[in-house]
Amino acid sequence: MIDLLAAAAAATLALGSQAAAPPESAWTWTLYADEGPVVLANEVPDTPHLRAVLECEPGRSVAQLTVHGGEAAAGMARVSAGEASAVAEAGAGRGGALRLALRTDHPVFAAFAADGRLAVAVAGQRRTVEVSAEHLAKLRRFAELCSG
């Protein structure tokens, strides 16, 4: 009986977590540049669901990248986009988020802005940030606003 109840509870949790996951069509990139820091977020609007966030102070040429989902490990990260690569110090954020800083005037960021794909590898884990073609203008505007 206890095994049956445990199985039913596990099935309910699995269905609940699937139902809680937003559909792929709900995800979008949103640029917030009205006041304060400039933020480009891969999110489901009006919810706490985030995949990735780029944030900077205008004109400072440094973007803070936070990639959500998974388990984050602190250490040196290899960041690559296109043919460019760099090394950055990565830290673990809340809920397994991975955080690191990138210069917006570095060739890696330029390649990211060109094709919308950025790979981050740290401690044997690899995460990818992808900006689809219809949102590349927002990424480029983010880089423009952040650069000094």
C-alpha atoms as a PDB file:
ATOM      1  CA  MET A   1       0.000   0.000   0.000  1.00  0.00           C
ATOM      2  CA  ILE A   2       2.791   2.420   0.924  1.00  0.00           C
ATOM      3  CA  ASP A   3       4.601   1.592  -2.314  1.00  0.00           C
ATOM      4  CA  LEU A   4       1.409   2.314  -4.259  1.00  0.00           C
ATOM      5  CA  LEU A   5       0.978   5.686  -2.538  1.00  0.00           C
ATOM      6  CA  ALA A   6       4.636   6.574  -3.148  1.00  0.00           C
ATOM      7  CA  ALA A   7       4.285   5.699  -6.841  1.00  0.00           C
ATOM      8  CA  ALA A   8       1.121   7.784  -7.123  1.00  0.00           C
ATOM      9  CA  ALA A   9       2.814  10.745  -5.421  1.00  0.00           C
ATOM     10  CA  ALA A  10       5.829  10.477  -7.734  1.00  0.00           C
ATOM     11  CA  ALA A  11       3.565  10.367 -10.793  1.00  0.00           C
ATOM     12  CA  THR A  12       1.643  13.406  -9.565  1.00  0.00           C
ATOM     13  CA  LEU A  13       4.889  15.339  -9.019  1.00  0.00           C
ATOM     14  CA  ALA A  14       6.156  14.392 -12.479  1.00  0.00           C
ATOM     15  CA  LEU A  15       2.921  15.530 -14.110  1.00  0.00           C
ATOM     16  CA  GLY A  16       2.902  18.713 -12.039  1.00  0.00           C
ATOM     17  CA  SER A  17       6.434  19.650 -13.066  1.00  0.00           C
ATOM     18  CA  GLN A  18       5.598  19.013 -16.731  1.00  0.00           C
ATOM     19  CA  ALA A  19       2.477  21.155 -16.442  1.00  0.00           C
ATOM     20  CA  ALA A  20       4.471  23.909 -14.714  1.00  0.00           C
ATOM     21  CA  ALA A  21       6.994  24.114 -17.573  1.00  0.00           C
ATOM     22  CA  PRO A  22       5.961  26.881 -19.964  1.00  0.00           C
ATOM     23  CA  PRO A  23       5.466  25.922 -23.603  1.00  0.00           C
ATOM     24  CA  GLU A  24       8.375  26.719 -25.902  1.00  0.00           C
ATOM     25  CA  SER A  25       6.277  29.356 -27.683  1.00  0.00           C
ATOM     26  CA  ALA A  26       6.001  31.359 -24.442  1.00  0.00           C
ATOM     27  CA  TRP A  27       9.755  32.082 -24.260  1.00  0.00           C
ATOM     28  CA  THR A  28      11.039  35.351 -25.704  1.00  0.00           C
ATOM     29  CA  TRP A  29      13.932  37.794 -25.472  1.00  0.00           C
ATOM     30  CA  THR A  30      12.993  41.149 -23.916  1.00  0.00           C
ATOM     31  CA  LEU A  31      15.174  44.270 -23.794  1.00  0.00           C
ATOM     32  CA  TYR A  32      14.691  46.572 -20.798  1.00  0.00           C
ATOM     33  CA  ALA A  33      16.519  49.852 -21.326  1.00  0.00           C
ATOM     34  CA  ASP A  34      14.261  52.522 -19.836  1.00  0.00           C
ATOM     35  CA  GLU A  35      16.226  53.460 -16.718  1.00  0.00           C
ATOM     36  CA  GLY A  36      18.970  51.998 -14.565  1.00  0.00           C
ATOM     37  CA  PRO A  37      20.817  48.974 -15.868  1.00  0.00           C
ATOM     38  CA  VAL A  38      20.199  47.659 -19.373  1.00  0.00           C
ATOM     39  CA  VAL A  39      18.778  44.133 -19.237  1.00  0.00           C
ATOM     40  CA  LEU A  40      18.218  41.585 -21.982  1.00  0.00           C
ATOM     41  CA  ALA A  41      16.303  38.576 -20.660  1.00  0.00           C
ATOM     42  CA  ASN A  42      15.279  35.257 -22.156  1.00  0.00           C
ATOM     43  CA  GLU A  43      12.055  34.855 -20.219  1.00  0.00           C
ATOM     44  CA  VAL A  44       8.412  34.022 -20.143  1.00  0.00           C
ATOM     45  CA  PRO A  45       6.988  37.545 -19.661  1.00  0.00           C
ATOM     46  CA  ASP A  46       5.175  38.294 -16.410  1.00  0.00           C
ATOM     47  CA  THR A  47       6.464  35.111 -14.760  1.00  0.00           C
ATOM     48  CA  PRO A  48       9.593  34.189 -12.777  1.00  0.00           C
ATOM     49  CA  HIS A  49      10.732  31.842 -15.597  1.00  0.00           C
ATOM     50  CA  LEU A  50      14.199  32.835 -16.843  1.00  0.00           C
ATOM     51  CA  ARG A  51      16.740  31.023 -19.014  1.00  0.00           C
ATOM     52  CA  ALA A  52      19.363  33.711 -19.425  1.00  0.00           C
ATOM     53  CA  VAL A  53      19.885  37.343 -18.435  1.00  0.00           C
ATOM     54  CA  LEU A  54      22.425  39.839 -19.744  1.00  0.00           C
ATOM     55  CA  GLU A  55      22.784  43.002 -17.666  1.00  0.00           C
ATOM     56  CA  CYS A  56      25.062  46.042 -17.821  1.00  0.00           C
ATOM     57  CA  GLU A  57      25.462  49.621 -16.747  1.00  0.00           C
ATOM     58  CA  PRO A  58      25.193  51.799 -19.877  1.00  0.00           C
ATOM     59  CA  GLY A  59      28.564  52.791 -21.331  1.00  0.00           C
ATOM     60  CA  ARG A  60      30.632  50.475 -19.085  1.00  0.00           C
ATOM     61  CA  SER A  61      31.346  47.806 -21.756  1.00  0.00           C
ATOM     62  CA  VAL A  62      30.882  44.929 -19.304  1.00  0.00           C
ATOM     63  CA  ALA A  63      27.888  42.592 -19.431  1.00  0.00           C
ATOM     64  CA  GLN A  64      26.972  40.260 -16.591  1.00  0.00           C
ATOM     65  CA  LEU A  65      25.610  36.986 -17.958  1.00  0.00           C
ATOM     66  CA  THR A  66      23.436  34.727 -15.821  1.00  0.00           C
ATOM     67  CA  VAL A  67      22.405  31.364 -17.264  1.00  0.00           C
ATOM     68  CA  HIS A  68      19.618  29.602 -15.355  1.00  0.00           C
ATOM     69  CA  GLY A  69      18.847  25.899 -15.206  1.00  0.00           C
ATOM     70  CA  GLY A  70      21.128  23.089 -14.199  1.00  0.00           C
ATOM     71  CA  GLU A  71      23.797  22.953 -11.563  1.00  0.00           C
ATOM     72  CA  ALA A  72      26.405  25.695 -11.625  1.00  0.00           C
ATOM     73  CA  ALA A  73      30.024  25.187 -10.724  1.00  0.00           C
ATOM     74  CA  ALA A  74      32.361  28.048  -9.928  1.00  0.00           C
ATOM     75  CA  GLY A  75      35.705  28.256 -11.686  1.00  0.00           C
ATOM     76  CA  MET A  76      37.268  29.339 -14.918  1.00  0.00           C
ATOM     77  CA  ALA A  77      34.873  29.187 -17.857  1.00  0.00           C
ATOM     78  CA  ARG A  78      35.713  28.880 -21.535  1.00  0.00           C
ATOM     79  CA  VAL A  79      33.348  31.128 -23.465  1.00  0.00           C
ATOM     80  CA  SER A  80      33.068  30.787 -27.221  1.00  0.00           C
ATOM     81  CA  ALA A  81      31.070  32.198 -30.105  1.00  0.00           C
ATOM     82  CA  GLY A  82      31.845  31.647 -33.749  1.00  0.00           C
ATOM     83  CA  GLU A  83      35.630  31.361 -34.078  1.00  0.00           C
ATOM     84  CA  ALA A  84      36.314  33.533 -31.003  1.00  0.00           C
ATOM     85  CA  SER A  85      36.916  32.290 -27.486  1.00  0.00           C
ATOM     86  CA  ALA A  86      37.866  33.702 -24.099  1.00  0.00           C
ATOM     87  CA  VAL A  87      38.290  32.663 -20.495  1.00  0.00           C
ATOM     88  CA  ALA A  88      36.193  34.232 -17.729  1.00  0.00           C
ATOM     89  CA  GLU A  89      35.721  33.570 -14.045  1.00  0.00           C
ATOM     90  CA  ALA A  90      32.338  31.978 -13.385  1.00  0.00           C
ATOM     91  CA  GLY A  91      30.449  31.839 -10.140  1.00  0.00           C
ATOM     92  CA  ALA A  92      27.430  29.951  -8.919  1.00  0.00           C
ATOM     93  CA  GLY A  93      24.274  31.985  -8.427  1.00  0.00           C
ATOM     94  CA  ARG A  94      20.885  31.218  -6.918  1.00  0.00           C
ATOM     95  CA  GLY A  95      19.153  28.027  -7.926  1.00  0.00           C
ATOM     96  CA  GLY A  96      22.055  26.650  -9.920  1.00  0.00           C
ATOM     97  CA  ALA A  97      22.486  29.756 -12.068  1.00  0.00           C
ATOM     98  CA  LEU A  98      25.880  30.345 -13.647  1.00  0.00           C
ATOM     99  CA  ARG A  99      27.186  33.941 -13.549  1.00  0.00           C
ATOM    100  CA  LEU A 100      30.089  35.532 -15.393  1.00  0.00           C
ATOM    101  CA  ALA A 101      31.178  38.853 -16.864  1.00  0.00           C
ATOM    102  CA  LEU A 102      31.911  39.496 -20.547  1.00  0.00           C
ATOM    103  CA  ARG A 103      33.310  42.595 -22.201  1.00  0.00           C
ATOM    104  CA  THR A 104      30.950  43.815 -24.895  1.00  0.00           C
ATOM    105  CA  ASP A 105      33.934  45.014 -26.959  1.00  0.00           C
ATOM    106  CA  HIS A 106      35.584  41.543 -26.972  1.00  0.00           C
ATOM    107  CA  PRO A 107      35.550  39.446 -30.193  1.00  0.00           C
ATOM    108  CA  VAL A 108      33.528  36.741 -28.387  1.00  0.00           C
ATOM    109  CA  PHE A 109      30.695  39.168 -27.722  1.00  0.00           C
ATOM    110  CA  ALA A 110      30.916  40.501 -31.293  1.00  0.00           C
ATOM    111  CA  ALA A 111      30.598  36.946 -32.648  1.00  0.00           C
ATOM    112  CA  PHE A 112      27.697  36.283 -30.243  1.00  0.00           C
ATOM    113  CA  ALA A 113      25.930  39.427 -31.489  1.00  0.00           C
ATOM    114  CA  ALA A 114      26.549  38.332 -35.089  1.00  0.00           C
ATOM    115  CA  ASP A 115      25.107  34.822 -34.909  1.00  0.00           C
ATOM    116  CA  GLY A 116      23.246  34.641 -31.579  1.00  0.00           C
ATOM    117  CA  ARG A 117      25.012  31.590 -30.165  1.00  0.00           C
ATOM    118  CA  LEU A 118      27.289  31.609 -27.103  1.00  0.00           C
ATOM    119  CA  ALA A 119      28.739  28.493 -25.443  1.00  0.00           C
ATOM    120  CA  VAL A 120      29.975  28.461 -21.856  1.00  0.00           C
ATOM    121  CA  ALA A 121      31.935  25.499 -20.478  1.00  0.00           C
ATOM    122  CA  VAL A 122      32.996  25.296 -16.844  1.00  0.00           C
ATOM    123  CA  ALA A 123      33.995  22.319 -14.693  1.00  0.00           C
ATOM    124  CA  GLY A 124      32.955  19.791 -17.331  1.00  0.00           C
ATOM    125  CA  GLN A 125      29.519  21.365 -17.822  1.00  0.00           C
ATOM    126  CA  ARG A 126      28.465  23.110 -21.019  1.00  0.00           C
ATOM    127  CA  ARG A 127      25.638  25.590 -21.416  1.00  0.00           C
ATOM    128  CA  THR A 128      24.533  27.404 -24.534  1.00  0.00           C
ATOM    129  CA  VAL A 129      22.756  30.731 -24.850  1.00  0.00           C
ATOM    130  CA  GLU A 130      20.900  31.118 -28.138  1.00  0.00           C
ATOM    131  CA  VAL A 131      19.243  34.226 -29.509  1.00  0.00           C
ATOM    132  CA  SER A 132      17.064  33.477 -32.518  1.00  0.00           C
ATOM    133  CA  ALA A 133      17.338  35.584 -35.670  1.00  0.00           C
ATOM    134  CA  GLU A 134      14.187  37.575 -34.916  1.00  0.00           C
ATOM    135  CA  HIS A 135      15.727  38.794 -31.613  1.00  0.00           C
ATOM    136  CA  LEU A 136      19.303  39.524 -32.789  1.00  0.00           C
ATOM    137  CA  ALA A 137      18.489  43.234 -33.158  1.00  0.00           C
ATOM    138  CA  LYS A 138      17.770  43.336 -29.400  1.00  0.00           C
ATOM    139  CA  LEU A 139      21.127  41.693 -28.638  1.00  0.00           C
ATOM    140  CA  ARG A 140      22.925  44.174 -30.879  1.00  0.00           C
ATOM    141  CA  ARG A 141      21.069  47.089 -29.280  1.00  0.00           C
ATOM    142  CA  PHE A 142      22.032  45.726 -25.851  1.00  0.00           C
ATOM    143  CA  ALA A 143      25.713  45.678 -26.900  1.00  0.00           C
ATOM    144  CA  GLU A 144      25.420  49.216 -28.302  1.00  0.00           C
ATOM    145  CA  LEU A 145      23.873  50.588 -25.110  1.00  0.00           C
ATOM    146  CA  CYS A 146      26.434  48.832 -22.898  1.00  0.00           C
ATOM    147  CA  SER A 147      29.539  49.792 -24.844  1.00  0.00           C
ATOM    148  CA  GLY A 148      31.484  52.879 -23.870  1.00  0.00           C
END
